[in-house]
Amino acid sequence: MPTDAQPAGTQLEQLEQALTQNIKTGNVELPLLPQAASRVMALASDPNADAAKLSALIHQDQALAAHVLRIANSPAYMPRSPVVSLQHAVAMLGISLLSEIAFTASLKSGAFKVPGFEDDVKRLWRHSLASGAYAKEVARMRRVNVESAYLCGLLHAIGKPVILRTATTLAQERRISLEKPVLYGWVEGYHTQVGLLIADKWGLPKQVAAAIQYSEDYDHATAFRQECLLTCVADRLASHLLTPDEVSEETLREHPVFGELNLYPQDIDQLIKIKEQVLTIVNAMNL
């Protein structure tokens, strides 16, 4: 309930002003990039990296190592025999895929936490996973860098859980009741600005920062336009997969981004056909 004699609308306006001011001044608690994720990202971009270095790196974090092995043994990757060691996982999955799994697993433990909003965070995380998985598939179709596309898809909405936490913390401090539609509107409206702050803090590749800024506004992308288009497609496909009531197949197909990326109706058919495969990957990574 509103405090004092101020009407609820006035309090919400003041709360939103405080939120935007915090973002503008950088007064937002940004998540740290987990050390393991940072090292995996550096290793993945090192041309001299090898499987032994990657497995040794993952071994340094026992929780991460266990998580990676669980994912490697999941239905998404359907091992012919149980994967019992990281060396076996590297041999079976390859260094690129194992890097991706390790980065994603370590990221989940650090960046996606908002006490009291666990269900909302889980929804955002699943959408990020689905966007990453679809971005890889679209990248294969367009014959562009798959690993880069995955990062763009996975991280394009990284600001959303941070806005969620910042807005709810401000509301609690001011003892203002914040309705979910208002909160979700702020998450959608301000996540890009916070995402760019995170990209800078984490030292993310430039194409990922471009995808954060322009995947929903690709006409204004001055660089990495293809990555922005590809991320937009992946985001739309993820929304159709996870919330088909909100993004129907008809709505999905009508989006102009497919034409911009030279994807034809048969390409969209193919991407829709792999829904179960993508969902299996989302469920595996969501352990």
Protein backbone atom coordinates (compact mmCIF):
# COMPACT_ATOMS: atom_id res chain seq x y z
CA MET A 1 0.00 0.00 0.00
CA PRO A 2 1.18 3.55 -0.65
CA THR A 3 2.74 5.31 2.33
CA ASP A 4 1.80 8.78 3.56
CA ALA A 5 -0.84 10.67 1.62
CA GLN A 6 0.76 10.42 -1.80
CA PRO A 7 -1.33 8.72 -4.47
CA ALA A 8 0.03 5.46 -5.82
CA GLY A 9 0.65 6.98 -9.27
CA THR A 10 2.90 9.70 -7.85
CA GLN A 11 4.89 7.17 -5.84
CA LEU A 12 5.39 4.96 -8.89
CA GLU A 13 6.58 7.94 -10.92
CA GLN A 14 9.09 8.82 -8.21
CA LEU A 15 10.20 5.21 -8.00
CA GLU A 16 10.72 5.04 -11.76
CA GLN A 17 12.66 8.32 -11.65
CA ALA A 18 14.90 6.88 -8.94
CA LEU A 19 15.42 3.74 -11.03
CA THR A 20 16.35 5.68 -14.17
CA GLN A 21 18.65 7.97 -12.20
CA ASN A 22 20.44 4.97 -10.69
CA ILE A 23 20.93 3.49 -14.16
CA LYS A 24 22.11 6.82 -15.60
CA THR A 25 24.71 7.31 -12.86
CA GLY A 26 25.75 3.66 -12.87
CA ASN A 27 24.49 3.26 -9.32
CA VAL A 28 23.28 -0.28 -10.00
CA GLU A 29 24.61 -3.41 -8.33
CA LEU A 30 25.93 -5.36 -11.29
CA PRO A 31 26.65 -9.08 -11.00
CA LEU A 32 30.25 -10.18 -11.12
CA LEU A 33 31.19 -12.45 -14.00
CA PRO A 34 32.02 -15.70 -12.18
CA GLN A 35 35.75 -16.34 -12.27
CA ALA A 36 35.30 -19.69 -13.97
CA ALA A 37 33.12 -18.10 -16.70
CA SER A 38 35.73 -15.39 -17.27
CA ARG A 39 38.51 -17.96 -17.62
CA VAL A 40 36.46 -20.20 -19.89
CA MET A 41 35.62 -17.23 -22.14
CA ALA A 42 39.31 -16.28 -22.36
CA LEU A 43 40.30 -19.87 -23.07
CA ALA A 44 37.62 -20.27 -25.75
CA SER A 45 39.08 -17.31 -27.66
CA ASP A 46 42.68 -18.57 -27.31
CA PRO A 47 43.84 -20.29 -30.52
CA ASN A 48 46.42 -22.26 -28.48
CA ALA A 49 43.84 -23.64 -26.04
CA ASP A 50 43.43 -27.38 -25.92
CA ALA A 51 41.19 -29.94 -24.26
CA ALA A 52 43.64 -30.56 -21.41
CA LYS A 53 43.68 -26.85 -20.46
CA LEU A 54 39.89 -26.68 -20.50
CA SER A 55 39.36 -29.80 -18.40
CA ALA A 56 42.04 -28.60 -15.92
CA LEU A 57 40.28 -25.24 -15.66
CA ILE A 58 36.87 -26.83 -15.01
CA HIS A 59 38.44 -29.21 -12.46
CA GLN A 60 39.42 -26.21 -10.30
CA ASP A 61 35.73 -25.70 -9.44
CA GLN A 62 34.26 -28.95 -8.14
CA ALA A 63 30.66 -27.73 -8.27
CA LEU A 64 31.14 -26.62 -11.88
CA ALA A 65 32.83 -29.90 -12.81
CA ALA A 66 29.90 -31.88 -11.38
CA HIS A 67 27.41 -29.64 -13.19
CA VAL A 68 29.23 -30.04 -16.53
CA LEU A 69 29.26 -33.83 -16.14
CA ARG A 70 25.53 -33.86 -15.33
CA ILE A 71 24.80 -31.85 -18.47
CA ALA A 72 27.08 -34.05 -20.61
CA ASN A 73 25.11 -37.09 -19.38
CA SER A 74 21.70 -35.49 -20.02
CA PRO A 75 19.27 -36.49 -22.82
CA ALA A 76 20.28 -33.34 -24.74
CA TYR A 77 23.63 -34.91 -25.63
CA MET A 78 22.61 -38.58 -25.50
CA PRO A 79 25.95 -40.20 -24.67
CA ARG A 80 26.28 -43.79 -25.87
CA SER A 81 27.85 -44.65 -22.51
CA PRO A 82 28.00 -42.69 -19.24
CA VAL A 83 30.44 -39.77 -19.27
CA VAL A 84 32.59 -40.36 -16.20
CA SER A 85 35.33 -37.74 -16.56
CA LEU A 86 35.92 -34.29 -18.01
CA GLN A 87 38.45 -35.77 -20.43
CA HIS A 88 35.73 -38.11 -21.67
CA ALA A 89 33.33 -35.15 -21.94
CA VAL A 90 35.84 -33.21 -24.05
CA ALA A 91 36.36 -36.21 -26.32
CA MET A 92 32.63 -36.70 -26.75
CA LEU A 93 31.41 -33.09 -27.02
CA GLY A 94 34.46 -31.22 -28.29
CA ILE A 95 36.18 -28.19 -26.81
CA SER A 96 33.75 -25.60 -28.23
CA LEU A 97 30.61 -27.22 -26.84
CA LEU A 98 32.24 -28.01 -23.51
CA SER A 99 33.40 -24.37 -23.22
CA GLU A 100 29.83 -23.26 -23.89
CA ILE A 101 28.41 -25.61 -21.25
CA ALA A 102 31.01 -24.57 -18.66
CA PHE A 103 30.47 -20.84 -19.33
CA THR A 104 26.69 -21.19 -19.11
CA ALA A 105 26.77 -23.35 -15.97
CA SER A 106 29.08 -20.95 -14.14
CA LEU A 107 27.05 -17.94 -15.27
CA LYS A 108 23.80 -19.30 -13.87
CA SER A 109 25.24 -19.57 -10.39
CA GLY A 110 26.28 -15.91 -10.31
CA ALA A 111 24.16 -13.63 -12.45
CA PHE A 112 20.65 -15.00 -12.19
CA LYS A 113 19.55 -14.50 -8.58
CA VAL A 114 16.79 -12.23 -7.24
CA PRO A 115 15.49 -13.30 -3.81
CA GLY A 116 11.70 -13.57 -3.76
CA PHE A 117 11.45 -13.66 -7.55
CA GLU A 118 12.83 -17.13 -8.21
CA ASP A 119 10.06 -18.05 -10.69
CA ASP A 120 10.60 -14.86 -12.69
CA VAL A 121 14.35 -15.42 -12.75
CA LYS A 122 13.86 -19.02 -13.88
CA ARG A 123 11.63 -17.80 -16.72
CA LEU A 124 14.24 -15.24 -17.82
CA TRP A 125 17.03 -17.82 -17.59
CA ARG A 126 15.13 -20.37 -19.67
CA HIS A 127 14.46 -17.71 -22.29
CA SER A 128 18.18 -16.87 -22.40
CA LEU A 129 19.08 -20.56 -22.80
CA ALA A 130 16.51 -21.03 -25.58
CA SER A 131 17.74 -17.87 -27.34
CA GLY A 132 21.31 -19.15 -27.17
CA ALA A 133 20.36 -22.58 -28.52
CA TYR A 134 18.32 -21.09 -31.37
CA ALA A 135 21.05 -18.56 -32.19
CA LYS A 136 23.41 -21.47 -32.84
CA GLU A 137 20.93 -23.12 -35.21
CA VAL A 138 20.34 -19.89 -37.15
CA ALA A 139 24.11 -19.28 -37.31
CA ARG A 140 24.59 -22.73 -38.84
CA MET A 141 21.94 -21.91 -41.46
CA ARG A 142 23.63 -18.61 -42.29
CA ARG A 143 27.11 -20.17 -42.09
CA VAL A 144 28.40 -17.67 -39.54
CA ASN A 145 30.31 -18.10 -36.27
CA VAL A 146 28.26 -20.42 -34.06
CA GLU A 147 30.08 -19.75 -30.77
CA SER A 148 29.71 -15.98 -31.14
CA ALA A 149 26.02 -16.35 -32.03
CA TYR A 150 25.45 -18.45 -28.90
CA LEU A 151 26.94 -15.78 -26.65
CA CYS A 152 24.82 -13.08 -28.32
CA GLY A 153 21.65 -15.14 -27.84
CA LEU A 154 22.45 -16.16 -24.28
CA LEU A 155 23.44 -12.69 -23.05
CA HIS A 156 21.29 -10.26 -25.04
CA ALA A 157 18.86 -9.85 -22.11
CA ILE A 158 21.40 -10.12 -19.27
CA GLY A 159 20.18 -6.78 -17.89
CA LYS A 160 16.68 -8.10 -17.12
CA PRO A 161 17.37 -9.89 -13.80
CA VAL A 162 19.43 -6.89 -12.69
CA ILE A 163 16.56 -4.46 -13.38
CA LEU A 164 14.24 -6.89 -11.60
CA ARG A 165 16.45 -6.86 -8.51
CA THR A 166 17.15 -3.10 -8.59
CA ALA A 167 13.49 -2.12 -9.00
CA THR A 168 12.21 -4.48 -6.30
CA THR A 169 14.94 -3.37 -3.87
CA LEU A 170 14.05 0.29 -4.41
CA ALA A 171 10.35 -0.50 -3.91
CA GLN A 172 11.06 -2.36 -0.66
CA GLU A 173 13.22 0.48 0.63
CA ARG A 174 10.40 2.97 -0.04
CA ARG A 175 7.69 0.55 1.11
CA ILE A 176 5.86 0.85 -2.18
CA SER A 177 3.74 -1.99 -3.54
CA LEU A 178 4.90 -2.79 -7.05
CA GLU A 179 2.45 -4.61 -9.31
CA LYS A 180 3.96 -7.19 -11.63
CA PRO A 181 2.74 -5.58 -14.92
CA VAL A 182 4.51 -2.35 -13.92
CA LEU A 183 7.63 -4.23 -12.88
CA TYR A 184 7.72 -6.25 -16.11
CA GLY A 185 7.27 -3.05 -18.11
CA TRP A 186 10.34 -1.56 -16.44
CA VAL A 187 12.33 -4.75 -16.99
CA GLU A 188 11.54 -4.59 -20.73
CA GLY A 189 12.09 -0.85 -20.94
CA TYR A 190 15.42 -0.52 -19.14
CA HIS A 191 17.25 -3.82 -19.48
CA THR A 192 19.24 -2.69 -22.53
CA GLN A 193 20.94 0.17 -20.66
CA VAL A 194 21.88 -2.11 -17.78
CA GLY A 195 22.95 -4.87 -20.17
CA LEU A 196 25.47 -2.47 -21.71
CA LEU A 197 26.85 -1.65 -18.25
CA ILE A 198 27.31 -5.39 -17.65
CA ALA A 199 28.93 -5.91 -21.08
CA ASP A 200 31.45 -3.19 -20.24
CA LYS A 201 32.13 -4.52 -16.72
CA TRP A 202 32.53 -8.11 -17.93
CA GLY A 203 34.58 -7.19 -21.01
CA LEU A 204 32.17 -9.03 -23.31
CA PRO A 205 32.97 -9.20 -27.04
CA LYS A 206 31.82 -6.17 -29.05
CA GLN A 207 29.31 -8.18 -31.05
CA VAL A 208 27.59 -9.24 -27.80
CA ALA A 209 27.33 -5.61 -26.67
CA ALA A 210 25.84 -4.77 -30.09
CA ALA A 211 23.29 -7.59 -29.73
CA ILE A 212 22.34 -6.31 -26.27
CA GLN A 213 21.79 -2.81 -27.63
CA TYR A 214 20.27 -3.45 -31.03
CA SER A 215 18.68 -6.91 -31.25
CA GLU A 216 15.26 -5.30 -30.76
CA ASP A 217 16.19 -2.26 -32.85
CA TYR A 218 18.42 -3.76 -35.54
CA ASP A 219 17.74 -1.00 -38.09
CA HIS A 220 19.87 1.31 -35.96
CA ALA A 221 22.81 -1.07 -35.59
CA THR A 222 25.94 0.60 -36.97
CA ALA A 223 28.12 -2.51 -36.56
CA PHE A 224 27.54 -6.26 -36.21
CA ARG A 225 24.12 -5.91 -37.84
CA GLN A 226 24.01 -9.59 -38.76
CA GLU A 227 24.58 -10.60 -35.13
CA CYS A 228 21.76 -8.25 -34.08
CA LEU A 229 19.39 -9.72 -36.70
CA LEU A 230 20.34 -13.24 -35.73
CA THR A 231 19.78 -12.51 -32.03
CA CYS A 232 16.38 -10.99 -32.79
CA VAL A 233 15.37 -14.17 -34.67
CA ALA A 234 16.63 -16.34 -31.80
CA ASP A 235 14.71 -14.24 -29.26
CA ARG A 236 11.47 -14.53 -31.27
CA LEU A 237 11.88 -18.29 -31.68
CA ALA A 238 12.56 -18.65 -27.94
CA SER A 239 9.40 -16.68 -27.14
CA HIS A 240 7.35 -18.91 -29.46
CA LEU A 241 8.84 -22.03 -27.87
CA LEU A 242 8.33 -20.99 -24.24
CA THR A 243 5.26 -18.73 -24.45
CA PRO A 244 3.31 -19.82 -27.56
CA ASP A 245 0.18 -18.08 -26.24
CA GLU A 246 2.01 -14.76 -26.47
CA VAL A 247 3.91 -15.43 -29.71
CA SER A 248 1.90 -17.71 -31.98
CA GLU A 249 3.41 -19.42 -35.01
CA GLU A 250 1.56 -17.00 -37.28
CA THR A 251 2.91 -13.98 -35.38
CA LEU A 252 6.40 -15.50 -35.47
CA ARG A 253 6.34 -16.06 -39.24
CA GLU A 254 5.13 -12.52 -39.91
CA HIS A 255 8.13 -10.88 -38.24
CA PRO A 256 10.17 -8.93 -40.84
CA VAL A 257 13.49 -10.00 -39.31
CA PHE A 258 13.36 -13.34 -41.13
CA GLY A 259 13.35 -11.54 -44.48
CA GLU A 260 16.15 -9.24 -43.32
CA LEU A 261 18.28 -12.30 -42.60
CA ASN A 262 17.31 -14.00 -45.89
CA LEU A 263 15.53 -16.83 -44.11
CA TYR A 264 12.74 -18.33 -46.20
CA PRO A 265 9.50 -20.08 -45.12
CA GLN A 266 11.20 -23.49 -45.41
CA ASP A 267 13.99 -22.25 -43.11
CA ILE A 268 11.39 -21.16 -40.55
CA ASP A 269 9.73 -24.60 -40.93
CA GLN A 270 13.06 -26.22 -40.10
CA LEU A 271 13.61 -24.00 -37.05
CA ILE A 272 10.11 -24.70 -35.74
CA LYS A 273 10.61 -28.45 -36.25
CA ILE A 274 13.52 -28.54 -33.81
CA LYS A 275 11.49 -27.11 -30.90
CA GLU A 276 11.72 -30.32 -28.85
CA GLN A 277 15.46 -30.53 -29.44
CA VAL A 278 15.94 -26.94 -28.21
CA LEU A 279 13.69 -27.59 -25.21
CA THR A 280 15.81 -30.62 -24.28
CA ILE A 281 18.93 -28.42 -24.31
CA VAL A 282 17.17 -25.76 -22.19
CA ASN A 283 16.14 -28.41 -19.66
CA ALA A 284 19.65 -29.88 -19.57
CA MET A 285 21.33 -26.52 -18.98
CA ASN A 286 18.69 -25.60 -16.40
CA LEU A 287 19.79 -28.34 -13.97
